[in-house]
Amino acid sequence: MHAETATATAAVNSMISLDDADQNIIAQWLAQRPTTTLRSYRLALRYLQSAAPGIDLRHVQLPHLQAFVQSLRGMKPSSQATSISVIQSLFSFAYKIGYLPANPAVLLKRPAHPNNVLERIVDETDIRRLVALTTNPRDSVLLLLAYVSGLRIAELAALKWRCFGQRESGTVLSVVGKGTRLRHIFLPAYMWTALAAIRDGAADDAPVFLSRNRKPLAKQTMHNIVKRAARRAGLPPTFSMHWCRHAHASHAMDRGAPIHLVQQTLGHASLAATARYVHCKPGTSSAEFIRPY
């Protein structure tokens, strides 16, 4: 079992009164989850434990789950939906493998929440300013790659030079993302030129982004870098590395990129996730495309 998964399992076992069989089910379920989202699983299970203290999985019934949902009130709708989805995933897994005779979680409903992704999309000029005002070469390349590739911050932190390959058509970046899905991203020549300029003879197995003491650059450090860059560029204080990913999707489709290509590049599991970026701009409408005369 992966170390992070084992740690998450131990944390769950300490929060909920589980017998050996329940612990085994939890371990199997977590083994199929991406390590980058284990924290949300632990939180959801903690909320369930508070709503149904001392009750093992086989004795959780609909009223317990309804109490769990009620305990989430006051959280953002998106956070509520995430916690409910986690519990539904666990009960669905336990039911499918025959551990539970029924799945009471199937009756739960996730709250609808507005698509506020538009609030986190900046203009192309904002991204240019973000990169241009960052004078540290490593940090500048980090921000540029985040935008050009649409990588998640965890994917950026895990990058090694061997992830890049050269083909006749150009540079290919191979990334293992959420759900251990492998995807390949073709990078424009200017991006590889910028990356090669900071390599400084590093071996293939070396991290692409290094700290001053030559250690892999931590996600928190990357977070601090983008926050400082955003302040310099006059962008909202809520700006994060993920906003570069939002900008990539929006700007690419604005320039005519097919939605399925954007989905593939970003590593979205479903087209619905990518479709959030298909948005209307102020002052335009589909009426402009109608030609009755």
Protein backbone atom coordinates (compact mmCIF):
# COMPACT_ATOMS: atom_id res chain seq x y z
CA MET A 1 0.00 0.00 0.00
CA HIS A 2 1.27 3.50 -0.81
CA ALA A 3 2.66 5.30 2.27
CA GLU A 4 0.19 8.20 2.01
CA THR A 5 -2.70 5.79 1.57
CA ALA A 6 -1.58 3.80 4.62
CA THR A 7 -1.37 7.02 6.65
CA ALA A 8 -4.84 8.05 5.53
CA THR A 9 -6.22 4.63 6.43
CA ALA A 10 -4.68 4.81 9.89
CA ALA A 11 -6.19 8.27 10.39
CA VAL A 12 -9.62 6.99 9.39
CA ASN A 13 -9.36 3.99 11.70
CA SER A 14 -8.53 6.27 14.63
CA MET A 15 -11.62 8.40 13.98
CA ILE A 16 -14.27 5.76 13.42
CA SER A 17 -15.07 2.64 15.44
CA LEU A 18 -14.13 0.05 12.81
CA ASP A 19 -13.70 -3.67 13.12
CA ASP A 20 -11.10 -5.53 11.07
CA ALA A 21 -13.50 -6.09 8.18
CA ASP A 22 -14.38 -2.39 7.99
CA GLN A 23 -10.72 -1.43 8.13
CA ASN A 24 -10.00 -3.74 5.22
CA ILE A 25 -12.79 -2.20 3.14
CA ILE A 26 -11.55 1.31 3.89
CA ALA A 27 -8.01 0.32 2.88
CA GLN A 28 -9.20 -1.19 -0.42
CA TRP A 29 -11.30 1.88 -1.18
CA LEU A 30 -8.50 4.35 -0.41
CA ALA A 31 -6.04 2.34 -2.49
CA GLN A 32 -8.05 3.32 -5.57
CA ARG A 33 -8.03 7.03 -4.71
CA PRO A 34 -5.46 9.59 -5.94
CA THR A 35 -3.09 10.59 -3.15
CA THR A 36 -3.59 14.28 -3.97
CA THR A 37 -7.17 14.17 -2.67
CA LEU A 38 -6.81 11.94 0.40
CA ARG A 39 -7.29 14.94 2.70
CA SER A 40 -10.85 15.48 1.45
CA TYR A 41 -11.62 11.79 2.14
CA ARG A 42 -10.38 12.07 5.70
CA LEU A 43 -12.45 15.21 6.29
CA ALA A 44 -15.62 13.62 4.89
CA LEU A 45 -15.17 10.54 7.07
CA ARG A 46 -14.59 12.74 10.11
CA TYR A 47 -17.92 14.48 9.44
CA LEU A 48 -19.63 11.10 9.09
CA GLN A 49 -18.11 9.94 12.37
CA SER A 50 -19.47 13.03 14.12
CA ALA A 51 -22.95 12.36 12.75
CA ALA A 52 -22.86 8.61 13.56
CA PRO A 53 -20.37 8.15 16.42
CA GLY A 54 -19.34 4.59 17.19
CA ILE A 55 -21.35 3.05 14.32
CA ASP A 56 -19.52 0.83 11.85
CA LEU A 57 -20.19 0.90 8.11
CA ARG A 58 -22.57 -2.07 8.10
CA HIS A 59 -24.89 -0.35 10.58
CA VAL A 60 -24.96 3.11 9.00
CA GLN A 61 -28.50 3.82 7.82
CA LEU A 62 -30.18 6.62 5.90
CA PRO A 63 -30.99 8.73 9.03
CA HIS A 64 -27.29 8.68 9.94
CA LEU A 65 -26.38 9.84 6.45
CA GLN A 66 -29.03 12.55 6.54
CA ALA A 67 -27.55 13.76 9.83
CA PHE A 68 -24.18 13.76 8.13
CA VAL A 69 -25.51 15.94 5.29
CA GLN A 70 -27.16 18.26 7.81
CA SER A 71 -23.83 18.68 9.60
CA LEU A 72 -22.32 20.10 6.42
CA ARG A 73 -24.69 23.06 6.36
CA GLY A 74 -22.83 26.32 6.59
CA MET A 75 -20.06 25.09 4.30
CA LYS A 76 -19.74 26.26 0.72
CA PRO A 77 -22.03 24.26 -1.62
CA SER A 78 -18.99 22.98 -3.49
CA SER A 79 -17.42 21.71 -0.25
CA GLN A 80 -20.69 20.07 0.78
CA ALA A 81 -20.91 18.37 -2.60
CA THR A 82 -17.34 17.09 -2.30
CA SER A 83 -17.92 15.54 1.15
CA ILE A 84 -21.18 13.91 0.06
CA SER A 85 -19.53 12.58 -3.08
CA VAL A 86 -16.73 11.01 -1.00
CA ILE A 87 -19.19 9.17 1.26
CA GLN A 88 -21.24 8.05 -1.73
CA SER A 89 -18.06 6.68 -3.29
CA LEU A 90 -17.21 4.67 -0.17
CA PHE A 91 -20.69 3.16 0.20
CA SER A 92 -20.95 2.46 -3.52
CA PHE A 93 -17.63 0.60 -3.40
CA ALA A 94 -18.61 -1.41 -0.31
CA TYR A 95 -21.95 -2.33 -1.93
CA LYS A 96 -20.46 -3.30 -5.29
CA ILE A 97 -18.00 -5.75 -3.76
CA GLY A 98 -20.79 -7.31 -1.69
CA TYR A 99 -19.73 -6.02 1.72
CA LEU A 100 -22.98 -4.10 2.24
CA PRO A 101 -26.41 -5.60 1.43
CA ALA A 102 -27.68 -2.18 0.29
CA ASN A 103 -26.33 1.27 -0.45
CA PRO A 104 -28.24 3.90 1.56
CA ALA A 105 -25.92 6.66 0.29
CA VAL A 106 -27.43 6.39 -3.18
CA LEU A 107 -30.41 8.35 -1.85
CA LEU A 108 -28.31 11.37 -0.91
CA LYS A 109 -28.42 14.45 -3.10
CA ARG A 110 -25.53 16.80 -3.63
CA PRO A 111 -26.37 20.53 -3.48
CA ALA A 112 -26.35 22.40 -6.73
CA HIS A 113 -23.78 25.16 -6.85
CA PRO A 114 -23.18 27.86 -9.43
CA ASN A 115 -20.37 27.61 -11.93
CA ASN A 116 -18.20 30.45 -10.63
CA VAL A 117 -15.19 29.51 -12.72
CA LEU A 118 -15.72 32.68 -14.77
CA GLU A 119 -14.77 34.71 -11.71
CA ARG A 120 -11.35 33.05 -11.80
CA ILE A 121 -10.48 33.67 -15.46
CA VAL A 122 -8.12 36.52 -16.26
CA ASP A 123 -7.23 38.09 -19.60
CA GLU A 124 -4.25 37.11 -21.72
CA THR A 125 -2.68 40.48 -20.94
CA ASP A 126 -2.90 39.67 -17.22
CA ILE A 127 -0.99 36.42 -17.74
CA ARG A 128 1.66 38.19 -19.83
CA ARG A 129 2.10 40.76 -17.05
CA LEU A 130 2.25 37.99 -14.41
CA VAL A 131 5.16 36.33 -16.22
CA ALA A 132 6.93 39.50 -17.42
CA LEU A 133 7.11 41.06 -13.95
CA THR A 134 8.64 37.89 -12.47
CA THR A 135 12.38 38.44 -12.85
CA ASN A 136 13.58 35.21 -11.24
CA PRO A 137 14.19 32.88 -14.24
CA ARG A 138 12.99 29.74 -12.44
CA ASP A 139 9.82 31.38 -11.18
CA SER A 140 9.10 32.95 -14.56
CA VAL A 141 9.41 29.58 -16.32
CA LEU A 142 7.26 27.95 -13.64
CA LEU A 143 4.41 30.43 -14.20
CA LEU A 144 4.75 30.25 -17.98
CA LEU A 145 4.64 26.43 -17.96
CA ALA A 146 1.63 26.44 -15.61
CA TYR A 147 -0.25 28.54 -18.16
CA VAL A 148 1.00 26.94 -21.38
CA SER A 149 0.52 23.34 -20.21
CA GLY A 150 -2.43 23.78 -17.84
CA LEU A 151 -0.75 21.49 -15.28
CA ARG A 152 -2.01 21.24 -11.71
CA ILE A 153 0.36 22.46 -9.00
CA ALA A 154 0.98 18.89 -7.79
CA GLU A 155 1.88 17.87 -11.35
CA LEU A 156 4.29 20.81 -11.64
CA ALA A 157 5.94 19.86 -8.34
CA ALA A 158 6.41 16.25 -9.50
CA LEU A 159 8.00 17.11 -12.86
CA LYS A 160 11.38 15.63 -13.73
CA TRP A 161 13.42 16.27 -16.85
CA ARG A 162 12.76 12.75 -18.10
CA CYS A 163 9.08 13.73 -18.46
CA PHE A 164 10.06 15.68 -21.58
CA GLY A 165 10.71 13.89 -24.85
CA GLN A 166 11.79 15.13 -28.25
CA ARG A 167 9.99 14.11 -31.42
CA GLU A 168 10.09 15.37 -34.98
CA SER A 169 6.96 17.42 -34.30
CA GLY A 170 8.48 19.03 -31.19
CA THR A 171 8.65 18.55 -27.42
CA VAL A 172 6.24 16.21 -25.66
CA LEU A 173 5.53 16.41 -21.94
CA SER A 174 4.26 13.16 -20.39
CA VAL A 175 2.34 13.61 -17.14
CA VAL A 176 0.66 11.20 -14.74
CA GLY A 177 -2.27 13.12 -13.28
CA LYS A 178 -5.35 12.43 -11.19
CA GLY A 179 -6.44 8.82 -11.13
CA THR A 180 -2.94 7.86 -12.36
CA ARG A 181 -4.03 8.77 -15.89
CA LEU A 182 -1.13 9.34 -18.28
CA ARG A 183 -1.46 12.15 -20.79
CA HIS A 184 0.89 13.68 -23.36
CA ILE A 185 1.10 17.42 -23.97
CA PHE A 186 2.82 18.88 -27.04
CA LEU A 187 4.67 22.03 -26.06
CA PRO A 188 5.45 24.95 -28.39
CA ALA A 189 9.11 25.58 -29.21
CA TYR A 190 9.33 28.74 -27.09
CA MET A 191 8.29 26.78 -23.99
CA TRP A 192 11.03 24.20 -24.44
CA THR A 193 13.59 26.98 -25.06
CA ALA A 194 12.57 28.61 -21.77
CA LEU A 195 12.80 25.28 -19.92
CA ALA A 196 16.19 24.38 -21.42
CA ALA A 197 17.56 27.74 -20.24
CA ILE A 198 17.08 26.78 -16.56
CA ARG A 199 18.19 23.13 -16.81
CA ASP A 200 21.86 23.87 -16.18
CA GLY A 201 23.02 20.34 -16.99
CA ALA A 202 20.56 18.61 -14.65
CA ALA A 203 20.21 14.82 -15.03
CA ASP A 204 17.07 13.26 -16.49
CA ASP A 205 15.90 12.13 -13.04
CA ALA A 206 16.39 15.54 -11.47
CA PRO A 207 13.36 17.70 -10.60
CA VAL A 208 12.66 20.47 -13.09
CA PHE A 209 12.03 23.07 -10.39
CA LEU A 210 14.56 23.21 -7.56
CA SER A 211 14.83 25.22 -4.36
CA ARG A 212 17.96 27.18 -3.42
CA ASN A 213 19.35 24.14 -1.59
CA ARG A 214 18.78 21.99 -4.69
CA LYS A 215 15.78 20.19 -3.25
CA PRO A 216 12.51 19.68 -5.20
CA LEU A 217 10.45 22.85 -5.02
CA ALA A 218 7.56 22.25 -2.60
CA LYS A 219 3.95 22.99 -3.51
CA GLN A 220 3.74 25.56 -0.72
CA THR A 221 6.76 27.38 -2.14
CA MET A 222 5.12 27.38 -5.57
CA HIS A 223 1.99 28.75 -3.97
CA ASN A 224 4.02 31.59 -2.41
CA ILE A 225 5.69 32.31 -5.75
CA VAL A 226 2.40 32.74 -7.58
CA LYS A 227 0.96 34.87 -4.76
CA ARG A 228 3.90 37.28 -4.94
CA ALA A 229 3.69 37.36 -8.73
CA ALA A 230 -0.03 38.12 -8.57
CA ARG A 231 0.58 41.06 -6.23
CA ARG A 232 3.18 42.48 -8.61
CA ALA A 233 0.79 42.11 -11.54
CA GLY A 234 -2.11 43.70 -9.67
CA LEU A 235 -4.22 40.53 -9.80
CA PRO A 236 -6.79 39.53 -7.14
CA PRO A 237 -5.36 38.21 -3.83
CA THR A 238 -7.27 34.97 -4.44
CA PHE A 239 -5.21 34.30 -7.58
CA SER A 240 -3.55 30.88 -7.40
CA MET A 241 -1.65 28.51 -9.66
CA HIS A 242 -4.96 26.90 -10.58
CA TRP A 243 -6.06 30.18 -12.15
CA CYS A 244 -3.33 29.62 -14.77
CA ARG A 245 -5.05 26.33 -15.57
CA HIS A 246 -8.42 28.10 -15.85
CA ALA A 247 -6.85 30.70 -18.12
CA HIS A 248 -5.30 28.00 -20.32
CA ALA A 249 -8.67 26.34 -20.91
CA SER A 250 -10.57 29.56 -21.51
CA HIS A 251 -8.00 31.21 -23.75
CA ALA A 252 -7.39 28.06 -25.80
CA MET A 253 -11.10 27.65 -26.57
CA ASP A 254 -11.48 31.37 -27.26
CA ARG A 255 -8.84 30.89 -29.95
CA GLY A 256 -10.67 27.94 -31.48
CA ALA A 257 -9.14 24.90 -29.74
CA PRO A 258 -11.58 21.92 -29.91
CA ILE A 259 -13.07 21.15 -26.51
CA HIS A 260 -11.95 17.51 -26.64
CA LEU A 261 -8.34 18.65 -27.18
CA VAL A 262 -8.53 20.94 -24.15
CA GLN A 263 -10.02 18.06 -22.16
CA GLN A 264 -7.12 15.81 -23.14
CA THR A 265 -4.49 18.45 -22.35
CA LEU A 266 -5.91 19.26 -18.92
CA GLY A 267 -6.55 15.61 -18.05
CA HIS A 268 -10.23 16.05 -17.25
CA ALA A 269 -12.00 12.74 -16.71
CA SER A 270 -15.21 14.03 -18.28
CA LEU A 271 -16.07 16.51 -21.00
CA ALA A 272 -18.47 18.19 -18.56
CA ALA A 273 -15.53 19.47 -16.51
CA THR A 274 -14.01 21.10 -19.57
CA ALA A 275 -17.34 22.50 -20.74
CA ARG A 276 -17.35 24.88 -17.75
CA TYR A 277 -14.95 27.04 -19.73
CA VAL A 278 -17.27 27.39 -22.72
CA HIS A 279 -18.63 30.74 -21.72
CA CYS A 280 -20.22 33.80 -23.24
CA LYS A 281 -18.33 37.06 -23.38
CA PRO A 282 -19.99 40.38 -22.59
CA GLY A 283 -21.32 42.06 -25.68
CA THR A 284 -21.66 38.88 -27.70
CA SER A 285 -24.34 36.26 -28.26
CA SER A 286 -25.15 33.42 -30.60
CA ALA A 287 -27.49 35.81 -32.45
CA GLU A 288 -24.40 37.10 -34.25
CA PHE A 289 -24.07 33.74 -35.96
CA ILE A 290 -27.63 33.78 -37.35
CA ARG A 291 -28.02 34.86 -40.97
CA PRO A 292 -31.74 35.10 -41.84
CA TYR A 293 -31.14 37.45 -44.79
